[in-house]
Amino acid sequence: MRRRGTPASVWSIGIIIGRRRRNTLMDQASARQAANLVISLYRGTAERPVVRFPEECRPASFFDVQKIFDSLVENFDQPVKGWKLYFPFKAGQPNLVAPIFNLLRSGDHITPEMSRIRIWEPEIVFRANRDLPPRAEPYSYEEVAQAVDAVPAIEFLAFRFDVNSMQDMADRPFEAYADNTLSGGFVVGEALADWRALDFRKMRHVAREGDKTASEAVGGHPVVDPFILVFVGANTARERQGIQKGQILATLSPSALLTAGPNAAISAHFEGLGGVSAVFDY
């Protein structure tokens, strides 16, 4: 979940250390133990402080991280509102599909229970307008494109472990990913069915805190066209739970991470797509 603003070397060093520390894959019992710890942190039932995963269930690869995600989906009694898609872009590494549990509508309030921090970013996500169920045959580009609508969104981050900064988690990247990619949830606006008329390369997007501009840019998405990740993500999900109508598919942000002040009203607007807003309740 390396974002712009977090040095690539920090994540790379952590990945190398992780590979050296353990070459064997996590077993199912360890994945379940790690997932249950994340679930207890979501519920607020864990005995504090919890700084990191115990050694016996500490992820050391992206393969471990995905096993923890799968166990999280299986054992958490919360509906999955969507999937956050991440791809290491490296041969031999698995694509990650992480569950989204908190999904808010534009104008809603983000509470401390959802996130103890006020770090956020504007993002273009997609919403499935039909099911894309599990199947053996890969989905075509056109099948996936017709099955989704584009949606303006805000992602708000969360530290469920007792850490103080992004750097604390950047020093152990696999644990950051395994903590459900440090995502607190998403706030979404109105869906646009005719999104293929948009040129994401030239799309102007503006993020604001109150009436102050927090970030502004044209284009800037890490893979230029965010739908590329949705196409890959749909074909990763078809080998697992698949995608259900109404679930959102989150890609990466065209913006750097933003930090809001107390009780801030935040908003993001994407030219041609629309806007979305939220309020931090703390």
C-alpha atoms as a PDB file:
ATOM      1  CA  MET A   1       0.000   0.000   0.000  1.00  0.00           C
ATOM      2  CA  ARG A   2       2.908   2.289  -0.718  1.00  0.00           C
ATOM      3  CA  ARG A   3       1.547   5.740  -1.579  1.00  0.00           C
ATOM      4  CA  ARG A   4       3.284   8.669  -3.122  1.00  0.00           C
ATOM      5  CA  GLY A   5       4.940  10.552  -0.297  1.00  0.00           C
ATOM      6  CA  THR A   6       6.223   7.326   1.292  1.00  0.00           C
ATOM      7  CA  PRO A   7       9.720   6.633  -0.051  1.00  0.00           C
ATOM      8  CA  ALA A   8       9.864   3.488  -2.169  1.00  0.00           C
ATOM      9  CA  SER A   9      13.095   2.501  -0.433  1.00  0.00           C
ATOM     10  CA  VAL A  10      11.287   2.249   2.905  1.00  0.00           C
ATOM     11  CA  TRP A  11       8.850  -0.306   1.547  1.00  0.00           C
ATOM     12  CA  SER A  12      11.540  -2.153  -0.417  1.00  0.00           C
ATOM     13  CA  ILE A  13      13.789  -2.537   2.621  1.00  0.00           C
ATOM     14  CA  GLY A  14      10.885  -3.909   4.642  1.00  0.00           C
ATOM     15  CA  ILE A  15      10.049  -6.399   1.895  1.00  0.00           C
ATOM     16  CA  ILE A  16      13.651  -7.631   1.715  1.00  0.00           C
ATOM     17  CA  ILE A  17      13.789  -8.033   5.502  1.00  0.00           C
ATOM     18  CA  GLY A  18      10.510  -9.915   5.431  1.00  0.00           C
ATOM     19  CA  ARG A  19      11.806 -12.333   2.808  1.00  0.00           C
ATOM     20  CA  ARG A  20      14.939 -13.036   4.799  1.00  0.00           C
ATOM     21  CA  ARG A  21      13.051 -13.542   8.022  1.00  0.00           C
ATOM     22  CA  ARG A  22      10.824 -16.361   6.794  1.00  0.00           C
ATOM     23  CA  ASN A  23      10.825 -18.249   3.527  1.00  0.00           C
ATOM     24  CA  THR A  24       7.881 -20.522   4.304  1.00  0.00           C
ATOM     25  CA  LEU A  25       4.283 -19.485   3.708  1.00  0.00           C
ATOM     26  CA  MET A  26       1.908 -18.818   6.584  1.00  0.00           C
ATOM     27  CA  ASP A  27      -0.361 -21.752   7.411  1.00  0.00           C
ATOM     28  CA  GLN A  28      -4.133 -21.444   7.702  1.00  0.00           C
ATOM     29  CA  ALA A  29      -4.141 -21.481  11.511  1.00  0.00           C
ATOM     30  CA  SER A  30      -1.683 -18.580  11.655  1.00  0.00           C
ATOM     31  CA  ALA A  31      -3.670 -16.625   9.061  1.00  0.00           C
ATOM     32  CA  ARG A  32      -6.812 -17.125  11.125  1.00  0.00           C
ATOM     33  CA  GLN A  33      -5.004 -15.961  14.286  1.00  0.00           C
ATOM     34  CA  ALA A  34      -3.810 -12.814  12.514  1.00  0.00           C
ATOM     35  CA  ALA A  35      -7.277 -12.137  11.058  1.00  0.00           C
ATOM     36  CA  ASN A  36      -8.921 -12.613  14.447  1.00  0.00           C
ATOM     37  CA  LEU A  37      -6.538 -10.038  15.924  1.00  0.00           C
ATOM     38  CA  VAL A  38      -7.516  -7.525  13.218  1.00  0.00           C
ATOM     39  CA  ILE A  39     -11.196  -8.315  13.869  1.00  0.00           C
ATOM     40  CA  SER A  40     -10.757  -7.663  17.602  1.00  0.00           C
ATOM     41  CA  LEU A  41      -9.120  -4.322  16.755  1.00  0.00           C
ATOM     42  CA  TYR A  42     -12.055  -3.425  14.498  1.00  0.00           C
ATOM     43  CA  ARG A  43     -14.495  -4.310  17.294  1.00  0.00           C
ATOM     44  CA  GLY A  44     -12.511  -2.554  20.008  1.00  0.00           C
ATOM     45  CA  THR A  45     -12.329  -5.736  22.084  1.00  0.00           C
ATOM     46  CA  ALA A  46      -8.545  -6.270  21.935  1.00  0.00           C
ATOM     47  CA  GLU A  47      -6.580  -5.800  25.137  1.00  0.00           C
ATOM     48  CA  ARG A  48      -4.556  -2.634  24.585  1.00  0.00           C
ATOM     49  CA  PRO A  49      -1.903  -1.742  23.682  1.00  0.00           C
ATOM     50  CA  VAL A  50      -1.450  -3.811  20.519  1.00  0.00           C
ATOM     51  CA  VAL A  51       1.604  -2.620  18.650  1.00  0.00           C
ATOM     52  CA  ARG A  52       2.053  -5.391  16.073  1.00  0.00           C
ATOM     53  CA  PHE A  53       1.178  -8.926  15.071  1.00  0.00           C
ATOM     54  CA  PRO A  54       2.609 -11.654  17.338  1.00  0.00           C
ATOM     55  CA  GLU A  55       5.652 -13.406  15.908  1.00  0.00           C
ATOM     56  CA  GLU A  56       3.760 -16.659  15.296  1.00  0.00           C
ATOM     57  CA  CYS A  57       1.271 -14.981  12.928  1.00  0.00           C
ATOM     58  CA  ARG A  58       3.317 -12.092  11.576  1.00  0.00           C
ATOM     59  CA  PRO A  59       3.064 -11.813   7.770  1.00  0.00           C
ATOM     60  CA  ALA A  60       6.329 -11.950   5.848  1.00  0.00           C
ATOM     61  CA  SER A  61       5.111 -11.862   2.243  1.00  0.00           C
ATOM     62  CA  PHE A  62       2.228 -10.682   0.081  1.00  0.00           C
ATOM     63  CA  PHE A  63       1.089 -14.312  -0.043  1.00  0.00           C
ATOM     64  CA  ASP A  64       0.693 -14.207   3.751  1.00  0.00           C
ATOM     65  CA  VAL A  65      -1.164 -10.901   3.517  1.00  0.00           C
ATOM     66  CA  GLN A  66      -3.752 -12.303   1.087  1.00  0.00           C
ATOM     67  CA  LYS A  67      -4.285 -15.361   3.287  1.00  0.00           C
ATOM     68  CA  ILE A  68      -5.040 -12.999   6.175  1.00  0.00           C
ATOM     69  CA  PHE A  69      -7.491 -11.025   3.993  1.00  0.00           C
ATOM     70  CA  ASP A  70      -9.263 -14.245   3.006  1.00  0.00           C
ATOM     71  CA  SER A  71      -9.537 -15.302   6.644  1.00  0.00           C
ATOM     72  CA  LEU A  72     -10.753 -11.828   7.598  1.00  0.00           C
ATOM     73  CA  VAL A  73     -13.609 -12.081   5.083  1.00  0.00           C
ATOM     74  CA  GLU A  74     -14.457 -15.587   6.272  1.00  0.00           C
ATOM     75  CA  ASN A  75     -14.479 -14.864  10.005  1.00  0.00           C
ATOM     76  CA  PHE A  76     -15.639 -11.237  10.391  1.00  0.00           C
ATOM     77  CA  ASP A  77     -19.414 -10.968  10.746  1.00  0.00           C
ATOM     78  CA  GLN A  78     -19.592  -7.764   8.699  1.00  0.00           C
ATOM     79  CA  PRO A  79     -20.851  -7.492   5.109  1.00  0.00           C
ATOM     80  CA  VAL A  80     -18.185  -6.760   2.521  1.00  0.00           C
ATOM     81  CA  LYS A  81     -19.101  -3.443   0.877  1.00  0.00           C
ATOM     82  CA  GLY A  82     -16.378  -3.628  -1.725  1.00  0.00           C
ATOM     83  CA  TRP A  83     -12.796  -4.530  -2.502  1.00  0.00           C
ATOM     84  CA  LYS A  84      -9.624  -2.522  -2.363  1.00  0.00           C
ATOM     85  CA  LEU A  85      -7.300  -3.554  -5.175  1.00  0.00           C
ATOM     86  CA  TYR A  86      -3.527  -3.433  -4.897  1.00  0.00           C
ATOM     87  CA  PHE A  87      -0.891  -4.821  -7.226  1.00  0.00           C
ATOM     88  CA  PRO A  88       2.839  -5.071  -6.455  1.00  0.00           C
ATOM     89  CA  PHE A  89       3.583  -4.857 -10.202  1.00  0.00           C
ATOM     90  CA  LYS A  90       6.301  -7.441  -9.855  1.00  0.00           C
ATOM     91  CA  ALA A  91       6.564 -10.913 -11.343  1.00  0.00           C
ATOM     92  CA  GLY A  92       6.007 -13.638  -8.773  1.00  0.00           C
ATOM     93  CA  GLN A  93       4.021 -11.423  -6.396  1.00  0.00           C
ATOM     94  CA  PRO A  94       0.278 -11.991  -5.942  1.00  0.00           C
ATOM     95  CA  ASN A  95      -2.322  -9.330  -6.627  1.00  0.00           C
ATOM     96  CA  LEU A  96      -4.076  -8.315  -3.405  1.00  0.00           C
ATOM     97  CA  VAL A  97      -7.818  -8.016  -2.911  1.00  0.00           C
ATOM     98  CA  ALA A  98      -8.715  -6.530   0.485  1.00  0.00           C
ATOM     99  CA  PRO A  99     -12.258  -6.213   1.891  1.00  0.00           C
ATOM    100  CA  ILE A 100     -13.922  -2.835   2.493  1.00  0.00           C
ATOM    101  CA  PHE A 101     -16.248  -2.841   5.521  1.00  0.00           C
ATOM    102  CA  ASN A 102     -17.041   0.860   6.049  1.00  0.00           C
ATOM    103  CA  LEU A 103     -18.850   2.608   3.209  1.00  0.00           C
ATOM    104  CA  LEU A 104     -20.384   6.048   3.756  1.00  0.00           C
ATOM    105  CA  ARG A 105     -22.470   8.296   1.531  1.00  0.00           C
ATOM    106  CA  SER A 106     -21.388  11.792   0.539  1.00  0.00           C
ATOM    107  CA  GLY A 107     -22.026  14.233   3.383  1.00  0.00           C
ATOM    108  CA  ASP A 108     -21.750  11.596   6.119  1.00  0.00           C
ATOM    109  CA  HIS A 109     -19.585  11.927   9.233  1.00  0.00           C
ATOM    110  CA  ILE A 110     -16.422   9.938   9.858  1.00  0.00           C
ATOM    111  CA  THR A 111     -16.372   8.929  13.528  1.00  0.00           C
ATOM    112  CA  PRO A 112     -13.407   8.114  15.799  1.00  0.00           C
ATOM    113  CA  GLU A 113     -14.581   4.490  15.863  1.00  0.00           C
ATOM    114  CA  MET A 114     -13.888   4.286  12.132  1.00  0.00           C
ATOM    115  CA  SER A 115     -10.531   6.035  12.296  1.00  0.00           C
ATOM    116  CA  ARG A 116      -8.395   7.540  15.057  1.00  0.00           C
ATOM    117  CA  ILE A 117      -6.524   9.692  12.556  1.00  0.00           C
ATOM    118  CA  ARG A 118      -7.590  12.272   9.989  1.00  0.00           C
ATOM    119  CA  ILE A 119      -5.549  11.124   7.006  1.00  0.00           C
ATOM    120  CA  TRP A 120      -7.478  10.957   3.745  1.00  0.00           C
ATOM    121  CA  GLU A 121      -7.194  11.125  -0.023  1.00  0.00           C
ATOM    122  CA  PRO A 122      -9.478  11.667  -3.023  1.00  0.00           C
ATOM    123  CA  GLU A 123      -9.943   8.607  -5.199  1.00  0.00           C
ATOM    124  CA  ILE A 124     -11.816   7.423  -8.274  1.00  0.00           C
ATOM    125  CA  VAL A 125     -13.545   4.124  -7.482  1.00  0.00           C
ATOM    126  CA  PHE A 126     -15.941   1.952  -9.459  1.00  0.00           C
ATOM    127  CA  ARG A 127     -19.228   0.345  -8.415  1.00  0.00           C
ATOM    128  CA  ALA A 128     -20.413  -2.974  -9.842  1.00  0.00           C
ATOM    129  CA  ASN A 129     -23.770  -2.613 -11.580  1.00  0.00           C
ATOM    130  CA  ARG A 130     -24.093  -6.402 -11.922  1.00  0.00           C
ATOM    131  CA  ASP A 131     -22.536  -9.516 -10.444  1.00  0.00           C
ATOM    132  CA  LEU A 132     -19.163 -10.756 -11.668  1.00  0.00           C
ATOM    133  CA  PRO A 133     -19.270 -14.224 -10.066  1.00  0.00           C
ATOM    134  CA  PRO A 134     -16.375 -16.642  -9.617  1.00  0.00           C
ATOM    135  CA  ARG A 135     -15.544 -18.597 -12.774  1.00  0.00           C
ATOM    136  CA  ALA A 136     -12.636 -20.338 -14.455  1.00  0.00           C
ATOM    137  CA  GLU A 137     -12.630 -18.279 -17.653  1.00  0.00           C
ATOM    138  CA  PRO A 138     -11.053 -14.826 -17.389  1.00  0.00           C
ATOM    139  CA  TYR A 139     -13.352 -11.842 -17.794  1.00  0.00           C
ATOM    140  CA  SER A 140     -12.710  -9.781 -20.910  1.00  0.00           C
ATOM    141  CA  TYR A 141     -11.912  -6.090 -20.751  1.00  0.00           C
ATOM    142  CA  GLU A 142     -15.304  -5.285 -22.251  1.00  0.00           C
ATOM    143  CA  GLU A 143     -17.222  -7.498 -19.818  1.00  0.00           C
ATOM    144  CA  VAL A 144     -15.685  -5.721 -16.839  1.00  0.00           C
ATOM    145  CA  ALA A 145     -16.045  -2.258 -18.376  1.00  0.00           C
ATOM    146  CA  GLN A 146     -19.773  -2.791 -18.929  1.00  0.00           C
ATOM    147  CA  ALA A 147     -20.228  -4.135 -15.394  1.00  0.00           C
ATOM    148  CA  VAL A 148     -19.021  -1.039 -13.503  1.00  0.00           C
ATOM    149  CA  ASP A 149     -19.820   2.654 -13.068  1.00  0.00           C
ATOM    150  CA  ALA A 150     -17.294   5.299 -11.989  1.00  0.00           C
ATOM    151  CA  VAL A 151     -17.756   7.021  -8.618  1.00  0.00           C
ATOM    152  CA  PRO A 152     -15.997   9.994  -6.959  1.00  0.00           C
ATOM    153  CA  ALA A 153     -14.772   8.966  -3.519  1.00  0.00           C
ATOM    154  CA  ILE A 154     -12.728   9.802  -0.449  1.00  0.00           C
ATOM    155  CA  GLU A 155     -10.727   7.153   1.367  1.00  0.00           C
ATOM    156  CA  PHE A 156      -9.997   7.724   5.053  1.00  0.00           C
ATOM    157  CA  LEU A 157      -7.164   5.790   6.643  1.00  0.00           C
ATOM    158  CA  ALA A 158      -7.025   4.071  10.020  1.00  0.00           C
ATOM    159  CA  PHE A 159      -4.370   2.776  12.404  1.00  0.00           C
ATOM    160  CA  ARG A 160      -5.914  -0.136  14.274  1.00  0.00           C
ATOM    161  CA  PHE A 161      -2.596  -0.935  15.934  1.00  0.00           C
ATOM    162  CA  ASP A 162      -1.199   1.406  18.572  1.00  0.00           C
ATOM    163  CA  VAL A 163       1.245   3.313  16.390  1.00  0.00           C
ATOM    164  CA  ASN A 164       1.881   7.016  16.046  1.00  0.00           C
ATOM    165  CA  SER A 165       2.668   7.600  12.393  1.00  0.00           C
ATOM    166  CA  MET A 166       2.708   6.270   8.842  1.00  0.00           C
ATOM    167  CA  GLN A 167       6.451   5.809   9.219  1.00  0.00           C
ATOM    168  CA  ASP A 168       5.874   3.337  12.066  1.00  0.00           C
ATOM    169  CA  MET A 169       3.916   1.126   9.671  1.00  0.00           C
ATOM    170  CA  ALA A 170       6.143   1.815   6.656  1.00  0.00           C
ATOM    171  CA  ASP A 171       8.987   0.193   8.573  1.00  0.00           C
ATOM    172  CA  ARG A 172       7.011  -3.098   8.530  1.00  0.00           C
ATOM    173  CA  PRO A 173       5.044  -3.000   5.291  1.00  0.00           C
ATOM    174  CA  PHE A 174       3.558  -6.499   5.301  1.00  0.00           C
ATOM    175  CA  GLU A 175       1.942  -5.790   8.671  1.00  0.00           C
ATOM    176  CA  ALA A 176       0.596  -2.506   7.311  1.00  0.00           C
ATOM    177  CA  TYR A 177      -1.002  -4.325   4.395  1.00  0.00           C
ATOM    178  CA  ALA A 178      -2.326  -7.087   6.649  1.00  0.00           C
ATOM    179  CA  ASP A 179      -4.052  -4.476   8.824  1.00  0.00           C
ATOM    180  CA  ASN A 180      -6.521  -4.276   5.934  1.00  0.00           C
ATOM    181  CA  THR A 181      -4.193  -1.907   4.032  1.00  0.00           C
ATOM    182  CA  LEU A 182      -4.604   0.713   6.802  1.00  0.00           C
ATOM    183  CA  SER A 183      -7.957   1.618   5.271  1.00  0.00           C
ATOM    184  CA  GLY A 184     -10.710   2.944   7.501  1.00  0.00           C
ATOM    185  CA  GLY A 185     -13.278   3.040   4.710  1.00  0.00           C
ATOM    186  CA  PHE A 186     -14.647   5.081   1.837  1.00  0.00           C
ATOM    187  CA  VAL A 187     -17.105   7.917   1.314  1.00  0.00           C
ATOM    188  CA  VAL A 188     -18.736   7.725  -2.118  1.00  0.00           C
ATOM    189  CA  GLY A 189     -20.689  10.123  -4.316  1.00  0.00           C
ATOM    190  CA  GLU A 190     -23.030   9.524  -7.232  1.00  0.00           C
ATOM    191  CA  ALA A 191     -22.130   6.891  -9.821  1.00  0.00           C
ATOM    192  CA  LEU A 192     -21.599   7.800 -13.482  1.00  0.00           C
ATOM    193  CA  ALA A 193     -22.525   5.109 -16.018  1.00  0.00           C
ATOM    194  CA  ASP A 194     -21.015   6.950 -19.010  1.00  0.00           C
ATOM    195  CA  TRP A 195     -17.535   7.053 -17.518  1.00  0.00           C
ATOM    196  CA  ARG A 196     -15.816   5.851 -20.683  1.00  0.00           C
ATOM    197  CA  ALA A 197     -16.270   9.315 -22.153  1.00  0.00           C
ATOM    198  CA  LEU A 198     -13.875  10.651 -19.492  1.00  0.00           C
ATOM    199  CA  ASP A 199     -10.175  11.183 -20.163  1.00  0.00           C
ATOM    200  CA  PHE A 200      -8.503  10.290 -16.871  1.00  0.00           C
ATOM    201  CA  ARG A 201      -5.161  11.545 -18.187  1.00  0.00           C
ATOM    202  CA  LYS A 202      -6.530  15.096 -18.380  1.00  0.00           C
ATOM    203  CA  MET A 203      -8.996  15.042 -15.507  1.00  0.00           C
ATOM    204  CA  ARG A 204      -8.577  17.935 -13.079  1.00  0.00           C
ATOM    205  CA  HIS A 205      -9.212  17.026  -9.456  1.00  0.00           C
ATOM    206  CA  VAL A 206      -9.327  19.294  -6.430  1.00  0.00           C
ATOM    207  CA  ALA A 207      -9.391  18.362  -2.743  1.00  0.00           C
ATOM    208  CA  ARG A 208     -10.512  20.910  -0.155  1.00  0.00           C
ATOM    209  CA  GLU A 209     -10.639  21.273   3.588  1.00  0.00           C
ATOM    210  CA  GLY A 210     -13.424  23.754   4.187  1.00  0.00           C
ATOM    211  CA  ASP A 211     -12.875  26.498   1.622  1.00  0.00           C
ATOM    212  CA  LYS A 212      -9.105  25.904   1.516  1.00  0.00           C
ATOM    213  CA  THR A 213      -7.531  23.952  -1.350  1.00  0.00           C
ATOM    214  CA  ALA A 214      -5.625  20.967   0.051  1.00  0.00           C
ATOM    215  CA  SER A 215      -4.429  19.563  -3.288  1.00  0.00           C
ATOM    216  CA  GLU A 216      -5.007  20.184  -6.974  1.00  0.00           C
ATOM    217  CA  ALA A 217      -3.690  18.384 -10.049  1.00  0.00           C
ATOM    218  CA  VAL A 218      -4.488  17.170 -13.540  1.00  0.00           C
ATOM    219  CA  GLY A 219      -4.318  13.422 -14.142  1.00  0.00           C
ATOM    220  CA  GLY A 220      -1.634  11.879 -11.977  1.00  0.00           C
ATOM    221  CA  HIS A 221      -3.107   8.435 -11.349  1.00  0.00           C
ATOM    222  CA  PRO A 222      -0.256   5.923 -10.748  1.00  0.00           C
ATOM    223  CA  VAL A 223      -1.362   3.748 -13.696  1.00  0.00           C
ATOM    224  CA  VAL A 224      -2.820   6.662 -15.732  1.00  0.00           C
ATOM    225  CA  ASP A 225      -6.241   4.989 -16.158  1.00  0.00           C
ATOM    226  CA  PRO A 226      -7.714   3.669 -12.875  1.00  0.00           C
ATOM    227  CA  PHE A 227      -9.947   1.203 -14.720  1.00  0.00           C
ATOM    228  CA  ILE A 228      -6.860  -0.855 -15.578  1.00  0.00           C
ATOM    229  CA  LEU A 229      -6.701  -1.938 -11.940  1.00  0.00           C
ATOM    230  CA  VAL A 230     -10.417  -2.757 -11.925  1.00  0.00           C
ATOM    231  CA  PHE A 231      -9.979  -5.057 -14.917  1.00  0.00           C
ATOM    232  CA  VAL A 232      -7.105  -6.876 -13.228  1.00  0.00           C
ATOM    233  CA  GLY A 233      -8.943  -6.862  -9.885  1.00  0.00           C
ATOM    234  CA  ALA A 234     -12.083  -8.429 -11.344  1.00  0.00           C
ATOM    235  CA  ASN A 235      -9.996 -11.272 -12.704  1.00  0.00           C
ATOM    236  CA  THR A 236      -8.248 -11.685  -9.370  1.00  0.00           C
ATOM    237  CA  ALA A 237     -11.583 -11.719  -7.524  1.00  0.00           C
ATOM    238  CA  ARG A 238     -13.100 -14.300  -9.896  1.00  0.00           C
ATOM    239  CA  GLU A 239     -10.678 -16.827  -8.399  1.00  0.00           C
ATOM    240  CA  ARG A 240     -12.031 -16.007  -4.924  1.00  0.00           C
ATOM    241  CA  GLN A 241     -15.441 -14.629  -3.891  1.00  0.00           C
ATOM    242  CA  GLY A 242     -16.126 -12.797  -7.131  1.00  0.00           C
ATOM    243  CA  ILE A 243     -17.766  -9.351  -7.140  1.00  0.00           C
ATOM    244  CA  GLN A 244     -21.360  -8.644  -6.197  1.00  0.00           C
ATOM    245  CA  LYS A 245     -23.610  -5.957  -7.595  1.00  0.00           C
ATOM    246  CA  GLY A 246     -23.315  -2.788  -5.510  1.00  0.00           C
ATOM    247  CA  GLN A 247     -19.806  -3.469  -4.232  1.00  0.00           C
ATOM    248  CA  ILE A 248     -17.203  -0.803  -4.910  1.00  0.00           C
ATOM    249  CA  LEU A 249     -13.782  -1.440  -6.402  1.00  0.00           C
ATOM    250  CA  ALA A 250     -11.121   0.928  -5.132  1.00  0.00           C
ATOM    251  CA  THR A 251      -7.937   1.588  -7.059  1.00  0.00           C
ATOM    252  CA  LEU A 252      -5.151   3.995  -6.119  1.00  0.00           C
ATOM    253  CA  SER A 253      -5.340   7.728  -5.527  1.00  0.00           C
ATOM    254  CA  PRO A 254      -4.099  10.422  -7.954  1.00  0.00           C
ATOM    255  CA  SER A 255      -3.243  12.523  -4.883  1.00  0.00           C
ATOM    256  CA  ALA A 256      -0.770  12.391  -2.047  1.00  0.00           C
ATOM    257  CA  LEU A 257      -2.072  11.615   1.438  1.00  0.00           C
ATOM    258  CA  LEU A 258      -3.744  14.605   3.120  1.00  0.00           C
ATOM    259  CA  THR A 259      -4.074  15.351   6.831  1.00  0.00           C
ATOM    260  CA  ALA A 260      -7.119  17.287   8.023  1.00  0.00           C
ATOM    261  CA  GLY A 261      -7.569  19.396  11.128  1.00  0.00           C
ATOM    262  CA  PRO A 262     -10.034  18.660  13.957  1.00  0.00           C
ATOM    263  CA  ASN A 263     -13.710  18.514  12.933  1.00  0.00           C
ATOM    264  CA  ALA A 264     -12.777  19.347   9.357  1.00  0.00           C
ATOM    265  CA  ALA A 265     -15.191  19.343   6.446  1.00  0.00           C
ATOM    266  CA  ILE A 266     -13.419  17.738   3.492  1.00  0.00           C
ATOM    267  CA  SER A 267     -14.371  17.400  -0.160  1.00  0.00           C
ATOM    268  CA  ALA A 268     -13.034  16.200  -3.483  1.00  0.00           C
ATOM    269  CA  HIS A 269     -14.175  17.106  -6.977  1.00  0.00           C
ATOM    270  CA  PHE A 270     -13.241  15.317 -10.197  1.00  0.00           C
ATOM    271  CA  GLU A 271     -13.883  17.210 -13.417  1.00  0.00           C
ATOM    272  CA  GLY A 272     -16.598  15.480 -15.436  1.00  0.00           C
ATOM    273  CA  LEU A 273     -17.221  12.876 -12.725  1.00  0.00           C
ATOM    274  CA  GLY A 274     -18.548  14.881  -9.788  1.00  0.00           C
ATOM    275  CA  GLY A 275     -17.850  15.532  -6.143  1.00  0.00           C
ATOM    276  CA  VAL A 276     -18.007  13.963  -2.711  1.00  0.00           C
ATOM    277  CA  SER A 277     -17.736  15.343   0.826  1.00  0.00           C
ATOM    278  CA  ALA A 278     -17.506  14.250   4.457  1.00  0.00           C
ATOM    279  CA  VAL A 279     -16.930  15.626   7.961  1.00  0.00           C
ATOM    280  CA  PHE A 280     -14.517  14.349  10.589  1.00  0.00           C
ATOM    281  CA  ASP A 281     -16.352  14.096  13.911  1.00  0.00           C
ATOM    282  CA  TYR A 282     -13.266  14.636  16.058  1.00  0.00           C
END
